[in-house]
């Protein structure tokens, strides 16, 4: 690991690494520690007591944060027929079919953040699995990105819908806003996210479900949240 800068070292002084903070305290400290020269993203990292190698212990879904993420989300939609017009009217940034597959494959084009597809286009989108999958961009019914209701899907994404899914280390990483957000808005987003993840607990999960919860900003130190008090 490279040497930490002076700004980071000052931010670390705000955090007691051995203490488990209440959510409001953690978010307050994370905001104070976000002193970079840009509006840092506030993130939550959640380690779960599940094993992502087993299909019955997967945790994946999506939730609309009440105050959004503060990010401009570019939506690509795979559709055909009248659904193309619906997607365009709903605010999709890119809409198409085979030509978009060719553009992604041929030009390594990824100027989008979320991919939505109607069910009848998944055979086309499936050819992009090896490209979209590793980037977490493959449409999935569980996250609401495979649907005929394009208007609703696009509006929710633009309003602040975020997807959560386990990585190989059984950790979920999700943005909950910007450092410039008011604390109460970040807390609302935090609770909404945690509530969704708690509700998504697999029946096969045994023992402690929330192993650790950490709040941080893009360039700041991690602040540990008491898993037993995440909804307070």
C-alpha atoms as a PDB file:
ATOM      1  CA  UNK A   1       0.000   0.000   0.000  1.00  0.00           C
ATOM      2  CA  UNK A   2       1.311   3.457  -0.930  1.00  0.00           C
ATOM      3  CA  UNK A   3       1.929   6.246   1.533  1.00  0.00           C
ATOM      4  CA  UNK A   4      -1.157   8.092   2.750  1.00  0.00           C
ATOM      5  CA  UNK A   5      -1.385  11.817   2.136  1.00  0.00           C
ATOM      6  CA  UNK A   6      -1.570  14.523   4.803  1.00  0.00           C
ATOM      7  CA  UNK A   7      -5.292  15.058   4.198  1.00  0.00           C
ATOM      8  CA  UNK A   8      -6.069  11.373   4.787  1.00  0.00           C
ATOM      9  CA  UNK A   9      -3.922  11.246   7.930  1.00  0.00           C
ATOM     10  CA  UNK A  10      -5.844  14.216   9.349  1.00  0.00           C
ATOM     11  CA  UNK A  11      -9.160  12.550   8.519  1.00  0.00           C
ATOM     12  CA  UNK A  12      -8.123   9.326  10.261  1.00  0.00           C
ATOM     13  CA  UNK A  13      -7.711  11.276  13.515  1.00  0.00           C
ATOM     14  CA  UNK A  14     -11.494  11.749  13.550  1.00  0.00           C
ATOM     15  CA  UNK A  15     -12.075   7.988  13.794  1.00  0.00           C
ATOM     16  CA  UNK A  16     -11.650   5.568  16.707  1.00  0.00           C
ATOM     17  CA  UNK A  17     -10.906   2.313  14.867  1.00  0.00           C
ATOM     18  CA  UNK A  18     -11.940   0.215  17.868  1.00  0.00           C
ATOM     19  CA  UNK A  19     -15.335   1.883  18.332  1.00  0.00           C
ATOM     20  CA  UNK A  20     -18.617   0.829  16.725  1.00  0.00           C
ATOM     21  CA  UNK A  21     -20.593   3.968  15.934  1.00  0.00           C
ATOM     22  CA  UNK A  22     -24.302   4.583  15.618  1.00  0.00           C
ATOM     23  CA  UNK A  23     -25.268   5.278  11.979  1.00  0.00           C
ATOM     24  CA  UNK A  24     -25.821   9.002  12.560  1.00  0.00           C
ATOM     25  CA  UNK A  25     -22.411   9.350  14.247  1.00  0.00           C
ATOM     26  CA  UNK A  26     -20.670   7.433  11.467  1.00  0.00           C
ATOM     27  CA  UNK A  27     -22.242   9.551   8.751  1.00  0.00           C
ATOM     28  CA  UNK A  28     -21.433  12.783  10.608  1.00  0.00           C
ATOM     29  CA  UNK A  29     -17.765  11.770  10.854  1.00  0.00           C
ATOM     30  CA  UNK A  30     -17.640  10.565   7.244  1.00  0.00           C
ATOM     31  CA  UNK A  31     -18.917  13.954   6.081  1.00  0.00           C
ATOM     32  CA  UNK A  32     -16.275  15.777   8.138  1.00  0.00           C
ATOM     33  CA  UNK A  33     -13.576  13.485   6.723  1.00  0.00           C
ATOM     34  CA  UNK A  34     -14.627  14.189   3.124  1.00  0.00           C
ATOM     35  CA  UNK A  35     -12.195  17.035   2.477  1.00  0.00           C
ATOM     36  CA  UNK A  36     -11.100  16.242  -1.071  1.00  0.00           C
ATOM     37  CA  UNK A  37     -11.399  18.880  -3.752  1.00  0.00           C
ATOM     38  CA  UNK A  38     -14.595  17.366  -5.159  1.00  0.00           C
ATOM     39  CA  UNK A  39     -17.972  16.225  -3.866  1.00  0.00           C
ATOM     40  CA  UNK A  40     -17.068  12.767  -2.606  1.00  0.00           C
ATOM     41  CA  UNK A  41     -19.484   9.857  -2.843  1.00  0.00           C
ATOM     42  CA  UNK A  42     -20.664   8.426   0.461  1.00  0.00           C
ATOM     43  CA  UNK A  43     -20.498   4.646   0.450  1.00  0.00           C
ATOM     44  CA  UNK A  44     -21.684   1.753   2.611  1.00  0.00           C
ATOM     45  CA  UNK A  45     -19.833  -1.568   2.679  1.00  0.00           C
ATOM     46  CA  UNK A  46     -21.663  -4.485   4.299  1.00  0.00           C
ATOM     47  CA  UNK A  47     -20.124  -7.880   5.037  1.00  0.00           C
ATOM     48  CA  UNK A  48     -22.787 -10.570   5.351  1.00  0.00           C
ATOM     49  CA  UNK A  49     -22.773 -13.923   7.124  1.00  0.00           C
ATOM     50  CA  UNK A  50     -23.567 -15.861   3.965  1.00  0.00           C
ATOM     51  CA  UNK A  51     -21.578 -17.830   1.401  1.00  0.00           C
ATOM     52  CA  UNK A  52     -22.029 -16.423  -2.100  1.00  0.00           C
ATOM     53  CA  UNK A  53     -20.778 -19.702  -3.596  1.00  0.00           C
ATOM     54  CA  UNK A  54     -24.149 -21.262  -2.753  1.00  0.00           C
ATOM     55  CA  UNK A  55     -27.181 -20.342  -4.867  1.00  0.00           C
ATOM     56  CA  UNK A  56     -29.511 -20.389  -1.834  1.00  0.00           C
ATOM     57  CA  UNK A  57     -27.386 -17.793  -0.035  1.00  0.00           C
ATOM     58  CA  UNK A  58     -27.231 -15.167  -2.745  1.00  0.00           C
ATOM     59  CA  UNK A  59     -28.273 -11.636  -1.792  1.00  0.00           C
ATOM     60  CA  UNK A  60     -29.166  -9.425  -4.725  1.00  0.00           C
ATOM     61  CA  UNK A  61     -31.775  -6.817  -5.404  1.00  0.00           C
ATOM     62  CA  UNK A  62     -32.425  -3.120  -5.879  1.00  0.00           C
ATOM     63  CA  UNK A  63     -33.929  -0.307  -3.873  1.00  0.00           C
ATOM     64  CA  UNK A  64     -34.885   3.298  -4.607  1.00  0.00           C
ATOM     65  CA  UNK A  65     -33.093   5.635  -2.205  1.00  0.00           C
ATOM     66  CA  UNK A  66     -35.515   8.360  -1.055  1.00  0.00           C
ATOM     67  CA  UNK A  67     -33.026  11.157  -1.731  1.00  0.00           C
ATOM     68  CA  UNK A  68     -31.209   9.657  -4.704  1.00  0.00           C
ATOM     69  CA  UNK A  69     -27.459   9.232  -5.054  1.00  0.00           C
ATOM     70  CA  UNK A  70     -26.498  12.656  -6.356  1.00  0.00           C
ATOM     71  CA  UNK A  71     -25.118  10.993  -9.459  1.00  0.00           C
ATOM     72  CA  UNK A  72     -26.220  11.383 -13.064  1.00  0.00           C
ATOM     73  CA  UNK A  73     -27.056   7.886 -14.275  1.00  0.00           C
ATOM     74  CA  UNK A  74     -26.816   7.037 -17.977  1.00  0.00           C
ATOM     75  CA  UNK A  75     -29.341   4.366 -18.954  1.00  0.00           C
ATOM     76  CA  UNK A  76     -29.027   2.105 -21.984  1.00  0.00           C
ATOM     77  CA  UNK A  77     -32.156   0.213 -23.034  1.00  0.00           C
ATOM     78  CA  UNK A  78     -32.443  -2.791 -25.319  1.00  0.00           C
ATOM     79  CA  UNK A  79     -35.920  -2.772 -26.841  1.00  0.00           C
ATOM     80  CA  UNK A  80     -37.816  -3.037 -30.108  1.00  0.00           C
ATOM     81  CA  UNK A  81     -41.029  -1.809 -31.669  1.00  0.00           C
ATOM     82  CA  UNK A  82     -43.187   0.560 -29.654  1.00  0.00           C
ATOM     83  CA  UNK A  83     -41.012  -0.062 -26.572  1.00  0.00           C
ATOM     84  CA  UNK A  84     -38.276   2.030 -28.197  1.00  0.00           C
ATOM     85  CA  UNK A  85     -40.513   5.101 -28.110  1.00  0.00           C
ATOM     86  CA  UNK A  86     -41.569   4.330 -24.514  1.00  0.00           C
ATOM     87  CA  UNK A  87     -37.914   4.161 -23.428  1.00  0.00           C
ATOM     88  CA  UNK A  88     -37.021   7.388 -25.221  1.00  0.00           C
ATOM     89  CA  UNK A  89     -39.989   9.238 -23.719  1.00  0.00           C
ATOM     90  CA  UNK A  90     -39.060   7.960 -20.252  1.00  0.00           C
ATOM     91  CA  UNK A  91     -35.607   9.514 -20.512  1.00  0.00           C
ATOM     92  CA  UNK A  92     -33.330   6.666 -21.573  1.00  0.00           C
ATOM     93  CA  UNK A  93     -29.970   7.922 -22.805  1.00  0.00           C
ATOM     94  CA  UNK A  94     -29.476   5.197 -25.412  1.00  0.00           C
ATOM     95  CA  UNK A  95     -32.067   2.875 -26.947  1.00  0.00           C
ATOM     96  CA  UNK A  96     -31.646   0.169 -29.562  1.00  0.00           C
ATOM     97  CA  UNK A  97     -31.007  -3.455 -30.352  1.00  0.00           C
ATOM     98  CA  UNK A  98     -28.540  -5.307 -32.550  1.00  0.00           C
ATOM     99  CA  UNK A  99     -26.675  -2.109 -33.439  1.00  0.00           C
ATOM    100  CA  UNK A 100     -25.880  -1.467 -29.771  1.00  0.00           C
ATOM    101  CA  UNK A 101     -24.579  -5.020 -29.369  1.00  0.00           C
ATOM    102  CA  UNK A 102     -22.250  -4.425 -32.312  1.00  0.00           C
ATOM    103  CA  UNK A 103     -21.115  -1.085 -30.892  1.00  0.00           C
ATOM    104  CA  UNK A 104     -20.269  -2.605 -27.510  1.00  0.00           C
ATOM    105  CA  UNK A 105     -18.518  -5.606 -29.038  1.00  0.00           C
ATOM    106  CA  UNK A 106     -16.709  -3.741 -31.791  1.00  0.00           C
ATOM    107  CA  UNK A 107     -15.818  -0.457 -30.108  1.00  0.00           C
ATOM    108  CA  UNK A 108     -15.554  -1.545 -26.470  1.00  0.00           C
ATOM    109  CA  UNK A 109     -18.188   1.118 -25.798  1.00  0.00           C
ATOM    110  CA  UNK A 110     -19.339   1.491 -22.204  1.00  0.00           C
ATOM    111  CA  UNK A 111     -20.584   5.074 -21.896  1.00  0.00           C
ATOM    112  CA  UNK A 112     -23.527   3.998 -19.722  1.00  0.00           C
ATOM    113  CA  UNK A 113     -24.128   3.083 -16.091  1.00  0.00           C
ATOM    114  CA  UNK A 114     -27.207   0.833 -16.145  1.00  0.00           C
ATOM    115  CA  UNK A 115     -28.593  -1.531 -18.765  1.00  0.00           C
ATOM    116  CA  UNK A 116     -32.323  -2.282 -19.016  1.00  0.00           C
ATOM    117  CA  UNK A 117     -33.871  -4.779 -21.432  1.00  0.00           C
ATOM    118  CA  UNK A 118     -37.314  -6.031 -22.298  1.00  0.00           C
ATOM    119  CA  UNK A 119     -37.656  -9.810 -21.831  1.00  0.00           C
ATOM    120  CA  UNK A 120     -37.947 -10.399 -25.595  1.00  0.00           C
ATOM    121  CA  UNK A 121     -34.495  -8.798 -26.096  1.00  0.00           C
ATOM    122  CA  UNK A 122     -32.596 -10.958 -23.621  1.00  0.00           C
ATOM    123  CA  UNK A 123     -31.570 -13.434 -26.318  1.00  0.00           C
ATOM    124  CA  UNK A 124     -29.790 -10.523 -28.010  1.00  0.00           C
ATOM    125  CA  UNK A 125     -28.362  -9.087 -24.794  1.00  0.00           C
ATOM    126  CA  UNK A 126     -27.176 -12.554 -23.768  1.00  0.00           C
ATOM    127  CA  UNK A 127     -24.406 -12.316 -26.382  1.00  0.00           C
ATOM    128  CA  UNK A 128     -22.882  -9.552 -24.256  1.00  0.00           C
ATOM    129  CA  UNK A 129     -22.746 -11.641 -21.089  1.00  0.00           C
ATOM    130  CA  UNK A 130     -18.958 -11.885 -21.008  1.00  0.00           C
ATOM    131  CA  UNK A 131     -18.639  -8.120 -21.429  1.00  0.00           C
ATOM    132  CA  UNK A 132     -21.479  -6.849 -19.257  1.00  0.00           C
ATOM    133  CA  UNK A 133     -21.338  -9.517 -16.537  1.00  0.00           C
ATOM    134  CA  UNK A 134     -17.904  -8.710 -15.048  1.00  0.00           C
ATOM    135  CA  UNK A 135     -18.875  -5.017 -14.914  1.00  0.00           C
ATOM    136  CA  UNK A 136     -22.130  -5.746 -13.083  1.00  0.00           C
ATOM    137  CA  UNK A 137     -24.128  -4.368 -16.009  1.00  0.00           C
ATOM    138  CA  UNK A 138     -26.038  -7.457 -17.153  1.00  0.00           C
ATOM    139  CA  UNK A 139     -29.815  -6.897 -16.880  1.00  0.00           C
ATOM    140  CA  UNK A 140     -31.459  -9.076 -14.246  1.00  0.00           C
ATOM    141  CA  UNK A 141     -35.119  -9.589 -13.272  1.00  0.00           C
ATOM    142  CA  UNK A 142     -34.201  -9.476  -9.562  1.00  0.00           C
ATOM    143  CA  UNK A 143     -32.940  -5.931  -9.913  1.00  0.00           C
ATOM    144  CA  UNK A 144     -35.878  -4.858 -12.053  1.00  0.00           C
ATOM    145  CA  UNK A 145     -33.775  -4.288 -15.166  1.00  0.00           C
ATOM    146  CA  UNK A 146     -35.494  -6.973 -17.251  1.00  0.00           C
ATOM    147  CA  UNK A 147     -39.046  -5.697 -17.707  1.00  0.00           C
ATOM    148  CA  UNK A 148     -41.665  -4.550 -20.185  1.00  0.00           C
ATOM    149  CA  UNK A 149     -42.502  -1.632 -17.867  1.00  0.00           C
ATOM    150  CA  UNK A 150     -39.673   0.520 -19.186  1.00  0.00           C
ATOM    151  CA  UNK A 151     -41.184   3.811 -18.072  1.00  0.00           C
ATOM    152  CA  UNK A 152     -41.232   2.757 -14.429  1.00  0.00           C
ATOM    153  CA  UNK A 153     -37.800   1.122 -14.566  1.00  0.00           C
ATOM    154  CA  UNK A 154     -36.111   4.153 -16.114  1.00  0.00           C
ATOM    155  CA  UNK A 155     -37.833   6.643 -13.818  1.00  0.00           C
ATOM    156  CA  UNK A 156     -36.785   4.673 -10.731  1.00  0.00           C
ATOM    157  CA  UNK A 157     -33.185   4.410 -11.909  1.00  0.00           C
ATOM    158  CA  UNK A 158     -33.022   8.125 -12.649  1.00  0.00           C
ATOM    159  CA  UNK A 159     -34.604   8.881  -9.256  1.00  0.00           C
ATOM    160  CA  UNK A 160     -31.916   7.021  -7.326  1.00  0.00           C
ATOM    161  CA  UNK A 161     -32.460   3.293  -7.629  1.00  0.00           C
ATOM    162  CA  UNK A 162     -29.332   1.358  -6.634  1.00  0.00           C
ATOM    163  CA  UNK A 163     -28.550  -2.316  -7.054  1.00  0.00           C
ATOM    164  CA  UNK A 164     -26.950  -4.348  -4.296  1.00  0.00           C
ATOM    165  CA  UNK A 165     -25.215  -7.681  -4.776  1.00  0.00           C
ATOM    166  CA  UNK A 166     -22.579  -9.773  -3.045  1.00  0.00           C
ATOM    167  CA  UNK A 167     -19.027  -9.826  -4.304  1.00  0.00           C
ATOM    168  CA  UNK A 168     -16.794 -12.883  -3.950  1.00  0.00           C
ATOM    169  CA  UNK A 169     -15.842 -11.834  -0.410  1.00  0.00           C
ATOM    170  CA  UNK A 170     -19.536 -11.716   0.630  1.00  0.00           C
ATOM    171  CA  UNK A 171     -19.491  -7.919   0.803  1.00  0.00           C
ATOM    172  CA  UNK A 172     -22.027  -5.492  -0.655  1.00  0.00           C
ATOM    173  CA  UNK A 173     -20.810  -2.062  -1.802  1.00  0.00           C
ATOM    174  CA  UNK A 174     -23.424   0.669  -2.402  1.00  0.00           C
ATOM    175  CA  UNK A 175     -23.344   4.482  -2.736  1.00  0.00           C
ATOM    176  CA  UNK A 176     -25.869   6.347  -0.572  1.00  0.00           C
ATOM    177  CA  UNK A 177     -25.333   9.916  -1.736  1.00  0.00           C
ATOM    178  CA  UNK A 178     -22.773  12.706  -1.789  1.00  0.00           C
ATOM    179  CA  UNK A 179     -20.811  14.364   1.005  1.00  0.00           C
ATOM    180  CA  UNK A 180     -22.715  17.563   0.234  1.00  0.00           C
ATOM    181  CA  UNK A 181     -26.021  15.903   1.209  1.00  0.00           C
ATOM    182  CA  UNK A 182     -27.595  16.923   4.498  1.00  0.00           C
ATOM    183  CA  UNK A 183     -26.980  14.357   7.226  1.00  0.00           C
ATOM    184  CA  UNK A 184     -30.659  13.487   7.603  1.00  0.00           C
ATOM    185  CA  UNK A 185     -30.892  12.633   3.900  1.00  0.00           C
ATOM    186  CA  UNK A 186     -27.854  10.361   4.086  1.00  0.00           C
ATOM    187  CA  UNK A 187     -29.311   8.669   7.163  1.00  0.00           C
ATOM    188  CA  UNK A 188     -32.640   8.119   5.362  1.00  0.00           C
ATOM    189  CA  UNK A 189     -30.812   6.578   2.410  1.00  0.00           C
ATOM    190  CA  UNK A 190     -28.679   4.437   4.732  1.00  0.00           C
ATOM    191  CA  UNK A 191     -31.713   3.060   6.584  1.00  0.00           C
ATOM    192  CA  UNK A 192     -33.619   2.397   3.362  1.00  0.00           C
ATOM    193  CA  UNK A 193     -30.690   0.411   1.999  1.00  0.00           C
ATOM    194  CA  UNK A 194     -30.122  -1.587   5.185  1.00  0.00           C
ATOM    195  CA  UNK A 195     -33.823  -2.337   5.517  1.00  0.00           C
ATOM    196  CA  UNK A 196     -33.847  -3.799   2.003  1.00  0.00           C
ATOM    197  CA  UNK A 197     -30.761  -5.917   2.659  1.00  0.00           C
ATOM    198  CA  UNK A 198     -32.133  -7.199   5.971  1.00  0.00           C
ATOM    199  CA  UNK A 199     -35.408  -8.133   4.247  1.00  0.00           C
ATOM    200  CA  UNK A 200     -33.404  -9.982   1.587  1.00  0.00           C
ATOM    201  CA  UNK A 201     -31.812 -12.317   4.138  1.00  0.00           C
ATOM    202  CA  UNK A 202     -31.754 -15.842   2.659  1.00  0.00           C
ATOM    203  CA  UNK A 203     -33.540 -18.557   4.618  1.00  0.00           C
ATOM    204  CA  UNK A 204     -30.324 -20.602   4.395  1.00  0.00           C
ATOM    205  CA  UNK A 205     -28.326 -17.929   6.235  1.00  0.00           C
ATOM    206  CA  UNK A 206     -27.375 -19.056   9.734  1.00  0.00           C
ATOM    207  CA  UNK A 207     -25.826 -17.131  12.612  1.00  0.00           C
ATOM    208  CA  UNK A 208     -25.094 -13.410  12.473  1.00  0.00           C
ATOM    209  CA  UNK A 209     -26.310 -11.956   9.183  1.00  0.00           C
ATOM    210  CA  UNK A 210     -24.785  -8.465   9.357  1.00  0.00           C
ATOM    211  CA  UNK A 211     -21.136  -9.186  10.147  1.00  0.00           C
ATOM    212  CA  UNK A 212     -19.860  -5.649   9.640  1.00  0.00           C
ATOM    213  CA  UNK A 213     -21.128  -2.337   8.301  1.00  0.00           C
ATOM    214  CA  UNK A 214     -18.759   0.452   7.292  1.00  0.00           C
ATOM    215  CA  UNK A 215     -19.465   3.987   6.106  1.00  0.00           C
ATOM    216  CA  UNK A 216     -16.853   5.924   4.163  1.00  0.00           C
ATOM    217  CA  UNK A 217     -16.403   8.653   1.573  1.00  0.00           C
ATOM    218  CA  UNK A 218     -14.510   8.190  -1.683  1.00  0.00           C
ATOM    219  CA  UNK A 219     -11.191   9.373  -0.250  1.00  0.00           C
ATOM    220  CA  UNK A 220     -11.871   9.042   3.464  1.00  0.00           C
ATOM    221  CA  UNK A 221     -11.281   6.393   6.136  1.00  0.00           C
ATOM    222  CA  UNK A 222     -13.804   3.688   6.962  1.00  0.00           C
ATOM    223  CA  UNK A 223     -16.045   4.230   9.990  1.00  0.00           C
ATOM    224  CA  UNK A 224     -17.456   1.066  11.567  1.00  0.00           C
ATOM    225  CA  UNK A 225     -21.170   1.010  12.379  1.00  0.00           C
ATOM    226  CA  UNK A 226     -22.621  -1.155  15.121  1.00  0.00           C
ATOM    227  CA  UNK A 227     -24.531  -3.860  13.155  1.00  0.00           C
ATOM    228  CA  UNK A 228     -27.034  -4.185  16.010  1.00  0.00           C
ATOM    229  CA  UNK A 229     -28.043  -0.525  15.668  1.00  0.00           C
ATOM    230  CA  UNK A 230     -28.190   0.026  11.906  1.00  0.00           C
ATOM    231  CA  UNK A 231     -31.893   0.915  11.944  1.00  0.00           C
ATOM    232  CA  UNK A 232     -31.661   3.388  14.842  1.00  0.00           C
END
